[in-house]
Amino acid sequence: YATVFTAIFSTSLLFGCTTGQDEQEPDPTEEPSEQQN
């Protein structure tokens, strides 16, 4: 059980802490750039 718990916990730390957003996608809270305006 300790081994299984450690494996699950380690996997969740590696893959669970990502935002899931694509980096190419603009942040909706950011204001448009001056060039876009």
PDB file of all heavy atoms in Angstrom:
ATOM      1  N   TYR A   1       0.823  -1.216   0.000  1.00  0.00           N
ATOM      2  CA  TYR A   1       0.000   0.000   0.000  1.00  0.00           C
ATOM      3  C   TYR A   1       0.856   1.266   0.000  1.00  0.00           C
ATOM      4  O   TYR A   1       0.505   2.257  -0.635  1.00  0.00           O
ATOM      5  CB  TYR A   1      -0.964   0.007   1.185  1.00  0.00           C
ATOM      6  CG  TYR A   1      -2.118  -0.945   1.008  1.00  0.00           C
ATOM      7  CD1 TYR A   1      -2.399  -1.906   1.972  1.00  0.00           C
ATOM      8  CD2 TYR A   1      -2.925  -0.894  -0.125  1.00  0.00           C
ATOM      9  CE1 TYR A   1      -3.460  -2.777   1.819  1.00  0.00           C
ATOM     10  CE2 TYR A   1      -3.983  -1.769  -0.285  1.00  0.00           C
ATOM     11  CZ  TYR A   1      -4.257  -2.703   0.690  1.00  0.00           C
ATOM     12  OH  TYR A   1      -5.300  -3.563   0.534  1.00  0.00           O
ATOM     13  N   ALA A   2       1.960   1.249   0.685  1.00  0.00           N
ATOM     14  CA  ALA A   2       2.858   2.398   0.685  1.00  0.00           C
ATOM     15  C   ALA A   2       3.447   2.634  -0.699  1.00  0.00           C
ATOM     16  O   ALA A   2       3.551   3.774  -1.164  1.00  0.00           O
ATOM     17  CB  ALA A   2       3.965   2.198   1.711  1.00  0.00           C
ATOM     18  N   THR A   3       3.802   1.549  -1.384  1.00  0.00           N
ATOM     19  CA  THR A   3       4.344   1.660  -2.734  1.00  0.00           C
ATOM     20  C   THR A   3       3.298   2.183  -3.705  1.00  0.00           C
ATOM     21  O   THR A   3       3.573   3.068  -4.522  1.00  0.00           O
ATOM     22  CB  THR A   3       4.872   0.291  -3.211  1.00  0.00           C
ATOM     23  OG1 THR A   3       5.845  -0.174  -2.278  1.00  0.00           O
ATOM     24  CG2 THR A   3       5.490   0.388  -4.580  1.00  0.00           C
ATOM     25  N   VAL A   4       2.081   1.661  -3.623  1.00  0.00           N
ATOM     26  CA  VAL A   4       0.995   2.098  -4.506  1.00  0.00           C
ATOM     27  C   VAL A   4       0.677   3.569  -4.242  1.00  0.00           C
ATOM     28  O   VAL A   4       0.522   4.359  -5.183  1.00  0.00           O
ATOM     29  CB  VAL A   4      -0.252   1.206  -4.321  1.00  0.00           C
ATOM     30  CG1 VAL A   4      -1.458   1.804  -5.021  1.00  0.00           C
ATOM     31  CG2 VAL A   4       0.020  -0.193  -4.831  1.00  0.00           C
ATOM     32  N   PHE A   5       0.565   3.948  -2.988  1.00  0.00           N
ATOM     33  CA  PHE A   5       0.275   5.338  -2.643  1.00  0.00           C
ATOM     34  C   PHE A   5       1.376   6.263  -3.153  1.00  0.00           C
ATOM     35  O   PHE A   5       1.098   7.330  -3.705  1.00  0.00           O
ATOM     36  CB  PHE A   5       0.134   5.488  -1.127  1.00  0.00           C
ATOM     37  CG  PHE A   5      -0.097   6.910  -0.693  1.00  0.00           C
ATOM     38  CD1 PHE A   5      -1.312   7.512  -0.889  1.00  0.00           C
ATOM     39  CD2 PHE A   5       0.930   7.642  -0.118  1.00  0.00           C
ATOM     40  CE1 PHE A   5      -1.525   8.833  -0.499  1.00  0.00           C
ATOM     41  CE2 PHE A   5       0.732   8.947   0.270  1.00  0.00           C
ATOM     42  CZ  PHE A   5      -0.501   9.550   0.082  1.00  0.00           C
ATOM     43  N   THR A   6       2.618   5.868  -3.003  1.00  0.00           N
ATOM     44  CA  THR A   6       3.738   6.680  -3.475  1.00  0.00           C
ATOM     45  C   THR A   6       3.716   6.832  -4.991  1.00  0.00           C
ATOM     46  O   THR A   6       3.945   7.923  -5.520  1.00  0.00           O
ATOM     47  CB  THR A   6       5.074   6.060  -3.028  1.00  0.00           C
ATOM     48  OG1 THR A   6       5.077   5.933  -1.609  1.00  0.00           O
ATOM     49  CG2 THR A   6       6.251   6.895  -3.464  1.00  0.00           C
ATOM     50  N   ALA A   7       3.398   5.764  -5.693  1.00  0.00           N
ATOM     51  CA  ALA A   7       3.332   5.822  -7.154  1.00  0.00           C
ATOM     52  C   ALA A   7       2.202   6.744  -7.609  1.00  0.00           C
ATOM     53  O   ALA A   7       2.384   7.567  -8.516  1.00  0.00           O
ATOM     54  CB  ALA A   7       3.135   4.425  -7.720  1.00  0.00           C
ATOM     55  N   ILE A   8       1.043   6.623  -6.991  1.00  0.00           N
ATOM     56  CA  ILE A   8      -0.091   7.483  -7.354  1.00  0.00           C
ATOM     57  C   ILE A   8       0.210   8.935  -7.025  1.00  0.00           C
ATOM     58  O   ILE A   8      -0.062   9.840  -7.826  1.00  0.00           O
ATOM     59  CB  ILE A   8      -1.372   7.005  -6.641  1.00  0.00           C
ATOM     60  CG1 ILE A   8      -1.790   5.642  -7.201  1.00  0.00           C
ATOM     61  CG2 ILE A   8      -2.499   8.013  -6.781  1.00  0.00           C
ATOM     62  CD1 ILE A   8      -2.915   4.984  -6.431  1.00  0.00           C
ATOM     63  N   PHE A   9       0.763   9.186  -5.872  1.00  0.00           N
ATOM     64  CA  PHE A   9       1.081  10.543  -5.459  1.00  0.00           C
ATOM     65  C   PHE A   9       2.127  11.175  -6.377  1.00  0.00           C
ATOM     66  O   PHE A   9       1.990  12.323  -6.790  1.00  0.00           O
ATOM     67  CB  PHE A   9       1.579  10.529  -4.008  1.00  0.00           C
ATOM     68  CG  PHE A   9       1.825  11.898  -3.447  1.00  0.00           C
ATOM     69  CD1 PHE A   9       0.780  12.750  -3.170  1.00  0.00           C
ATOM     70  CD2 PHE A   9       3.123  12.331  -3.196  1.00  0.00           C
ATOM     71  CE1 PHE A   9       1.005  14.005  -2.646  1.00  0.00           C
ATOM     72  CE2 PHE A   9       3.362  13.578  -2.677  1.00  0.00           C
ATOM     73  CZ  PHE A   9       2.298  14.426  -2.398  1.00  0.00           C
ATOM     74  N   SER A  10       3.152  10.407  -6.726  1.00  0.00           N
ATOM     75  CA  SER A  10       4.196  10.927  -7.609  1.00  0.00           C
ATOM     76  C   SER A  10       3.642  11.232  -8.999  1.00  0.00           C
ATOM     77  O   SER A  10       3.967  12.256  -9.606  1.00  0.00           O
ATOM     78  CB  SER A  10       5.332   9.921  -7.739  1.00  0.00           C
ATOM     79  OG  SER A  10       5.919   9.699  -6.484  1.00  0.00           O
ATOM     80  N   THR A  11       2.797  10.358  -9.506  1.00  0.00           N
ATOM     81  CA  THR A  11       2.190  10.571 -10.814  1.00  0.00           C
ATOM     82  C   THR A  11       1.298  11.807 -10.805  1.00  0.00           C
ATOM     83  O   THR A  11       1.313  12.604 -11.740  1.00  0.00           O
ATOM     84  CB  THR A  11       1.376   9.328 -11.238  1.00  0.00           C
ATOM     85  OG1 THR A  11       2.231   8.200 -11.219  1.00  0.00           O
ATOM     86  CG2 THR A  11       0.793   9.500 -12.624  1.00  0.00           C
ATOM     87  N   SER A  12       0.538  11.978  -9.752  1.00  0.00           N
ATOM     88  CA  SER A  12      -0.341  13.151  -9.678  1.00  0.00           C
ATOM     89  C   SER A  12       0.458  14.443  -9.581  1.00  0.00           C
ATOM     90  O   SER A  12       0.044  15.467 -10.116  1.00  0.00           O
ATOM     91  CB  SER A  12      -1.305  13.024  -8.505  1.00  0.00           C
ATOM     92  OG  SER A  12      -0.610  13.106  -7.276  1.00  0.00           O
ATOM     93  N   LEU A  13       1.597  14.408  -8.940  1.00  0.00           N
ATOM     94  CA  LEU A  13       2.446  15.598  -8.881  1.00  0.00           C
ATOM     95  C   LEU A  13       3.029  15.944 -10.248  1.00  0.00           C
ATOM     96  O   LEU A  13       3.137  17.107 -10.621  1.00  0.00           O
ATOM     97  CB  LEU A  13       3.594  15.408  -7.884  1.00  0.00           C
ATOM     98  CG  LEU A  13       3.246  15.552  -6.420  1.00  0.00           C
ATOM     99  CD1 LEU A  13       4.465  15.222  -5.556  1.00  0.00           C
ATOM    100  CD2 LEU A  13       2.771  16.959  -6.106  1.00  0.00           C
ATOM    101  N   LEU A  14       3.395  14.914 -11.003  1.00  0.00           N
ATOM    102  CA  LEU A  14       3.988  15.149 -12.312  1.00  0.00           C
ATOM    103  C   LEU A  14       2.968  15.655 -13.329  1.00  0.00           C
ATOM    104  O   LEU A  14       3.247  16.572 -14.096  1.00  0.00           O
ATOM    105  CB  LEU A  14       4.620  13.862 -12.840  1.00  0.00           C
ATOM    106  CG  LEU A  14       5.901  13.416 -12.161  1.00  0.00           C
ATOM    107  CD1 LEU A  14       6.313  12.046 -12.675  1.00  0.00           C
ATOM    108  CD2 LEU A  14       7.013  14.414 -12.410  1.00  0.00           C
ATOM    109  N   PHE A  15       1.785  15.062 -13.348  1.00  0.00           N
ATOM    110  CA  PHE A  15       0.820  15.360 -14.397  1.00  0.00           C
ATOM    111  C   PHE A  15      -0.350  16.225 -13.932  1.00  0.00           C
ATOM    112  O   PHE A  15      -1.050  16.800 -14.755  1.00  0.00           O
ATOM    113  CB  PHE A  15       0.274  14.059 -14.986  1.00  0.00           C
ATOM    114  CG  PHE A  15       1.322  13.246 -15.672  1.00  0.00           C
ATOM    115  CD1 PHE A  15       1.804  12.088 -15.101  1.00  0.00           C
ATOM    116  CD2 PHE A  15       1.856  13.654 -16.885  1.00  0.00           C
ATOM    117  CE1 PHE A  15       2.777  11.332 -15.721  1.00  0.00           C
ATOM    118  CE2 PHE A  15       2.837  12.910 -17.516  1.00  0.00           C
ATOM    119  CZ  PHE A  15       3.287  11.749 -16.932  1.00  0.00           C
ATOM    120  N   GLY A  16      -0.570  16.318 -12.657  1.00  0.00           N
ATOM    121  CA  GLY A  16      -1.731  17.038 -12.164  1.00  0.00           C
ATOM    122  C   GLY A  16      -1.516  18.520 -11.960  1.00  0.00           C
ATOM    123  O   GLY A  16      -2.473  19.266 -11.768  1.00  0.00           O
ATOM    124  N   CYS A  17      -0.302  18.982 -12.024  1.00  0.00           N
ATOM    125  CA  CYS A  17      -0.025  20.389 -11.743  1.00  0.00           C
ATOM    126  C   CYS A  17       0.067  21.243 -12.999  1.00  0.00           C
ATOM    127  O   CYS A  17       0.520  22.379 -12.938  1.00  0.00           O
ATOM    128  CB  CYS A  17       1.269  20.518 -10.940  1.00  0.00           C
ATOM    129  SG  CYS A  17       1.132  19.798  -9.300  1.00  0.00           S
ATOM    130  N   THR A  18      -0.358  20.718 -14.121  1.00  0.00           N
ATOM    131  CA  THR A  18      -0.348  21.508 -15.341  1.00  0.00           C
ATOM    132  C   THR A  18      -1.665  22.246 -15.467  1.00  0.00           C
ATOM    133  O   THR A  18      -2.691  21.816 -14.953  1.00  0.00           O
ATOM    134  CB  THR A  18      -0.129  20.629 -16.577  1.00  0.00           C
ATOM    135  OG1 THR A  18      -1.191  19.678 -16.653  1.00  0.00           O
ATOM    136  CG2 THR A  18       1.199  19.900 -16.512  1.00  0.00           C
ATOM    137  N   THR A  19      -1.641  23.355 -16.181  1.00  0.00           N
ATOM    138  CA  THR A  19      -2.852  24.157 -16.313  1.00  0.00           C
ATOM    139  C   THR A  19      -3.791  23.607 -17.353  1.00  0.00           C
ATOM    140  O   THR A  19      -4.977  23.866 -17.312  1.00  0.00           O
ATOM    141  CB  THR A  19      -2.510  25.604 -16.700  1.00  0.00           C
ATOM    142  OG1 THR A  19      -1.826  25.589 -17.941  1.00  0.00           O
ATOM    143  CG2 THR A  19      -1.677  26.262 -15.629  1.00  0.00           C
ATOM    144  N   GLY A  20      -3.262  22.915 -18.315  1.00  0.00           N
ATOM    145  CA  GLY A  20      -4.099  22.368 -19.356  1.00  0.00           C
ATOM    146  C   GLY A  20      -4.413  23.354 -20.460  1.00  0.00           C
ATOM    147  O   GLY A  20      -5.095  23.027 -21.408  1.00  0.00           O
ATOM    148  N   GLN A  21      -3.935  24.572 -20.366  1.00  0.00           N
ATOM    149  CA  GLN A  21      -4.164  25.570 -21.397  1.00  0.00           C
ATOM    150  C   GLN A  21      -3.035  25.523 -22.403  1.00  0.00           C
ATOM    151  O   GLN A  21      -1.884  25.263 -22.058  1.00  0.00           O
ATOM    152  CB  GLN A  21      -4.219  26.977 -20.819  1.00  0.00           C
ATOM    153  CG  GLN A  21      -5.555  27.349 -20.254  1.00  0.00           C
ATOM    154  CD  GLN A  21      -5.570  28.819 -19.867  1.00  0.00           C
ATOM    155  OE1 GLN A  21      -4.540  29.345 -19.464  1.00  0.00           O
ATOM    156  NE2 GLN A  21      -6.698  29.450 -19.991  1.00  0.00           N
ATOM    157  N   ASP A  22      -3.392  25.796 -23.624  1.00  0.00           N
ATOM    158  CA  ASP A  22      -2.400  25.869 -24.675  1.00  0.00           C
ATOM    159  C   ASP A  22      -1.645  27.188 -24.532  1.00  0.00           C
ATOM    160  O   ASP A  22      -2.244  28.234 -24.313  1.00  0.00           O
ATOM    161  CB  ASP A  22      -3.090  25.800 -26.038  1.00  0.00           C
ATOM    162  CG  ASP A  22      -2.120  25.554 -27.168  1.00  0.00           C
ATOM    163  OD1 ASP A  22      -0.966  25.186 -26.878  1.00  0.00           O
ATOM    164  OD2 ASP A  22      -2.518  25.731 -28.325  1.00  0.00           O
ATOM    165  N   GLU A  23      -0.342  27.168 -24.650  1.00  0.00           N
ATOM    166  CA  GLU A  23       0.460  28.373 -24.491  1.00  0.00           C
ATOM    167  C   GLU A  23       0.207  29.386 -25.601  1.00  0.00           C
ATOM    168  O   GLU A  23       0.451  30.565 -25.437  1.00  0.00           O
ATOM    169  CB  GLU A  23       1.952  28.022 -24.420  1.00  0.00           C
ATOM    170  CG  GLU A  23       2.340  27.283 -23.169  1.00  0.00           C
ATOM    171  CD  GLU A  23       2.126  28.097 -21.906  1.00  0.00           C
ATOM    172  OE1 GLU A  23       2.352  29.320 -21.923  1.00  0.00           O
ATOM    173  OE2 GLU A  23       1.718  27.514 -20.895  1.00  0.00           O
ATOM    174  N   GLN A  24      -0.269  28.938 -26.760  1.00  0.00           N
ATOM    175  CA  GLN A  24      -0.533  29.837 -27.876  1.00  0.00           C
ATOM    176  C   GLN A  24      -1.817  30.638 -27.647  1.00  0.00           C
ATOM    177  O   GLN A  24      -2.041  31.650 -28.273  1.00  0.00           O
ATOM    178  CB  GLN A  24      -0.651  29.042 -29.181  1.00  0.00           C
ATOM    179  CG  GLN A  24       0.590  28.237 -29.523  1.00  0.00           C
ATOM    180  CD  GLN A  24       1.803  29.124 -29.770  1.00  0.00           C
ATOM    181  OE1 GLN A  24       1.666  30.230 -30.269  1.00  0.00           O
ATOM    182  NE2 GLN A  24       2.979  28.663 -29.405  1.00  0.00           N
ATOM    183  N   GLU A  25      -2.658  30.169 -26.764  1.00  0.00           N
ATOM    184  CA  GLU A  25      -3.939  30.803 -26.505  1.00  0.00           C
ATOM    185  C   GLU A  25      -3.722  32.066 -25.669  1.00  0.00           C
ATOM    186  O   GLU A  25      -3.053  32.031 -24.644  1.00  0.00           O
ATOM    187  CB  GLU A  25      -4.801  29.809 -25.725  1.00  0.00           C
ATOM    188  CG  GLU A  25      -6.264  30.079 -25.768  1.00  0.00           C
ATOM    189  CD  GLU A  25      -7.009  28.934 -25.121  1.00  0.00           C
ATOM    190  OE1 GLU A  25      -6.947  27.818 -25.648  1.00  0.00           O
ATOM    191  OE2 GLU A  25      -7.622  29.189 -24.084  1.00  0.00           O
ATOM    192  N   PRO A  26      -4.286  33.194 -26.066  1.00  0.00           N
ATOM    193  CA  PRO A  26      -4.089  34.417 -25.287  1.00  0.00           C
ATOM    194  C   PRO A  26      -4.859  34.358 -23.969  1.00  0.00           C
ATOM    195  O   PRO A  26      -5.897  33.713 -23.864  1.00  0.00           O
ATOM    196  CB  PRO A  26      -4.649  35.516 -26.197  1.00  0.00           C
ATOM    197  CG  PRO A  26      -5.607  34.815 -27.091  1.00  0.00           C
ATOM    198  CD  PRO A  26      -5.078  33.419 -27.256  1.00  0.00           C
ATOM    199  N   ASP A  27      -4.345  35.031 -22.987  1.00  0.00           N
ATOM    200  CA  ASP A  27      -4.986  35.100 -21.690  1.00  0.00           C
ATOM    201  C   ASP A  27      -6.186  36.030 -21.789  1.00  0.00           C
ATOM    202  O   ASP A  27      -6.046  37.183 -22.197  1.00  0.00           O
ATOM    203  CB  ASP A  27      -3.979  35.620 -20.655  1.00  0.00           C
ATOM    204  CG  ASP A  27      -4.505  35.541 -19.238  1.00  0.00           C
ATOM    205  OD1 ASP A  27      -5.585  34.949 -19.035  1.00  0.00           O
ATOM    206  OD2 ASP A  27      -3.847  36.070 -18.331  1.00  0.00           O
ATOM    207  N   PRO A  28      -7.380  35.576 -21.416  1.00  0.00           N
ATOM    208  CA  PRO A  28      -8.567  36.423 -21.575  1.00  0.00           C
ATOM    209  C   PRO A  28      -8.558  37.661 -20.676  1.00  0.00           C
ATOM    210  O   PRO A  28      -9.270  38.623 -20.942  1.00  0.00           O
ATOM    211  CB  PRO A  28      -9.721  35.497 -21.210  1.00  0.00           C
ATOM    212  CG  PRO A  28      -9.129  34.370 -20.483  1.00  0.00           C
ATOM    213  CD  PRO A  28      -7.699  34.272 -20.904  1.00  0.00           C
ATOM    214  N   THR A  29      -7.722  37.665 -19.632  1.00  0.00           N
ATOM    215  CA  THR A  29      -7.672  38.824 -18.749  1.00  0.00           C
ATOM    216  C   THR A  29      -6.708  39.893 -19.256  1.00  0.00           C
ATOM    217  O   THR A  29      -6.734  41.016 -18.775  1.00  0.00           O
ATOM    218  CB  THR A  29      -7.249  38.411 -17.330  1.00  0.00           C
ATOM    219  OG1 THR A  29      -5.971  37.775 -17.392  1.00  0.00           O
ATOM    220  CG2 THR A  29      -8.266  37.454 -16.727  1.00  0.00           C
ATOM    221  N   GLU A  30      -5.867  39.522 -20.229  1.00  0.00           N
ATOM    222  CA  GLU A  30      -4.926  40.495 -20.775  1.00  0.00           C
ATOM    223  C   GLU A  30      -5.648  41.464 -21.695  1.00  0.00           C
ATOM    224  O   GLU A  30      -6.571  41.103 -22.411  1.00  0.00           O
ATOM    225  CB  GLU A  30      -3.823  39.797 -21.578  1.00  0.00           C
ATOM    226  CG  GLU A  30      -2.836  39.039 -20.743  1.00  0.00           C
ATOM    227  CD  GLU A  30      -1.757  38.407 -21.607  1.00  0.00           C
ATOM    228  OE1 GLU A  30      -1.743  38.634 -22.825  1.00  0.00           O
ATOM    229  OE2 GLU A  30      -0.940  37.688 -21.042  1.00  0.00           O
ATOM    230  N   GLU A  31      -5.203  42.713 -21.661  1.00  0.00           N
ATOM    231  CA  GLU A  31      -5.755  43.698 -22.573  1.00  0.00           C
ATOM    232  C   GLU A  31      -5.100  43.521 -23.941  1.00  0.00           C
ATOM    233  O   GLU A  31      -3.951  43.115 -24.033  1.00  0.00           O
ATOM    234  CB  GLU A  31      -5.495  45.097 -22.048  1.00  0.00           C
ATOM    235  CG  GLU A  31      -6.262  45.397 -20.765  1.00  0.00           C
ATOM    236  CD  GLU A  31      -6.100  46.833 -20.324  1.00  0.00           C
ATOM    237  OE1 GLU A  31      -5.776  47.685 -21.164  1.00  0.00           O
ATOM    238  OE2 GLU A  31      -6.310  47.083 -19.139  1.00  0.00           O
ATOM    239  N   PRO A  32      -5.840  43.835 -25.003  1.00  0.00           N
ATOM    240  CA  PRO A  32      -5.245  43.715 -26.341  1.00  0.00           C
ATOM    241  C   PRO A  32      -4.038  44.635 -26.490  1.00  0.00           C
ATOM    242  O   PRO A  32      -3.953  45.685 -25.859  1.00  0.00           O
ATOM    243  CB  PRO A  32      -6.367  44.143 -27.273  1.00  0.00           C
ATOM    244  CG  PRO A  32      -7.606  44.095 -26.477  1.00  0.00           C
ATOM    245  CD  PRO A  32      -7.204  44.255 -25.040  1.00  0.00           C
ATOM    246  N   SER A  33      -3.141  44.235 -27.326  1.00  0.00           N
ATOM    247  CA  SER A  33      -1.936  45.021 -27.523  1.00  0.00           C
ATOM    248  C   SER A  33      -2.258  46.319 -28.243  1.00  0.00           C
ATOM    249  O   SER A  33      -3.315  46.484 -28.861  1.00  0.00           O
ATOM    250  CB  SER A  33      -0.912  44.227 -28.334  1.00  0.00           C
ATOM    251  OG  SER A  33      -1.391  44.049 -29.651  1.00  0.00           O
ATOM    252  N   GLU A  34      -1.349  47.265 -28.179  1.00  0.00           N
ATOM    253  CA  GLU A  34      -1.539  48.565 -28.816  1.00  0.00           C
ATOM    254  C   GLU A  34      -1.661  48.397 -30.325  1.00  0.00           C
ATOM    255  O   GLU A  34      -2.464  49.073 -30.971  1.00  0.00           O
ATOM    256  CB  GLU A  34      -0.354  49.469 -28.473  1.00  0.00           C
ATOM    257  CG  GLU A  34      -0.568  50.914 -28.892  1.00  0.00           C
ATOM    258  CD  GLU A  34       0.561  51.799 -28.391  1.00  0.00           C
ATOM    259  OE1 GLU A  34       0.967  51.656 -27.233  1.00  0.00           O
ATOM    260  OE2 GLU A  34       1.015  52.631 -29.190  1.00  0.00           O
ATOM    261  N   GLN A  35      -0.898  47.493 -30.885  1.00  0.00           N
ATOM    262  CA  GLN A  35      -0.951  47.252 -32.323  1.00  0.00           C
ATOM    263  C   GLN A  35      -2.335  46.733 -32.722  1.00  0.00           C
ATOM    264  O   GLN A  35      -2.895  47.145 -33.729  1.00  0.00           O
ATOM    265  CB  GLN A  35       0.124  46.252 -32.726  1.00  0.00           C
ATOM    266  CG  GLN A  35       0.190  46.008 -34.225  1.00  0.00           C
ATOM    267  CD  GLN A  35       1.275  45.005 -34.579  1.00  0.00           C
ATOM    268  OE1 GLN A  35       1.770  44.294 -33.707  1.00  0.00           O
ATOM    269  NE2 GLN A  35       1.628  44.955 -35.837  1.00  0.00           N
ATOM    270  N   GLN A  36      -2.898  45.853 -31.920  1.00  0.00           N
ATOM    271  CA  GLN A  36      -4.229  45.319 -32.206  1.00  0.00           C
ATOM    272  C   GLN A  36      -5.273  46.430 -32.101  1.00  0.00           C
ATOM    273  O   GLN A  36      -6.197  46.482 -32.906  1.00  0.00           O
ATOM    274  CB  GLN A  36      -4.560  44.176 -31.233  1.00  0.00           C
ATOM    275  CG  GLN A  36      -5.911  43.531 -31.490  1.00  0.00           C
ATOM    276  CD  GLN A  36      -5.961  42.801 -32.810  1.00  0.00           C
ATOM    277  OE1 GLN A  36      -4.971  42.242 -33.249  1.00  0.00           O
ATOM    278  NE2 GLN A  36      -7.103  42.806 -33.455  1.00  0.00           N
ATOM    279  N   ASN A  37      -5.127  47.325 -31.135  1.00  0.00           N
ATOM    280  CA  ASN A  37      -6.061  48.445 -30.990  1.00  0.00           C
ATOM    281  C   ASN A  37      -6.011  49.347 -32.216  1.00  0.00           C
ATOM    282  O   ASN A  37      -7.050  49.789 -32.706  1.00  0.00           O
ATOM    283  CB  ASN A  37      -5.748  49.268 -29.735  1.00  0.00           C
ATOM    284  CG  ASN A  37      -6.137  48.546 -28.462  1.00  0.00           C
ATOM    285  OD1 ASN A  37      -6.975  47.649 -28.483  1.00  0.00           O
ATOM    286  ND2 ASN A  37      -5.527  48.933 -27.359  1.00  0.00           N
TER     287      ASN A  37
END
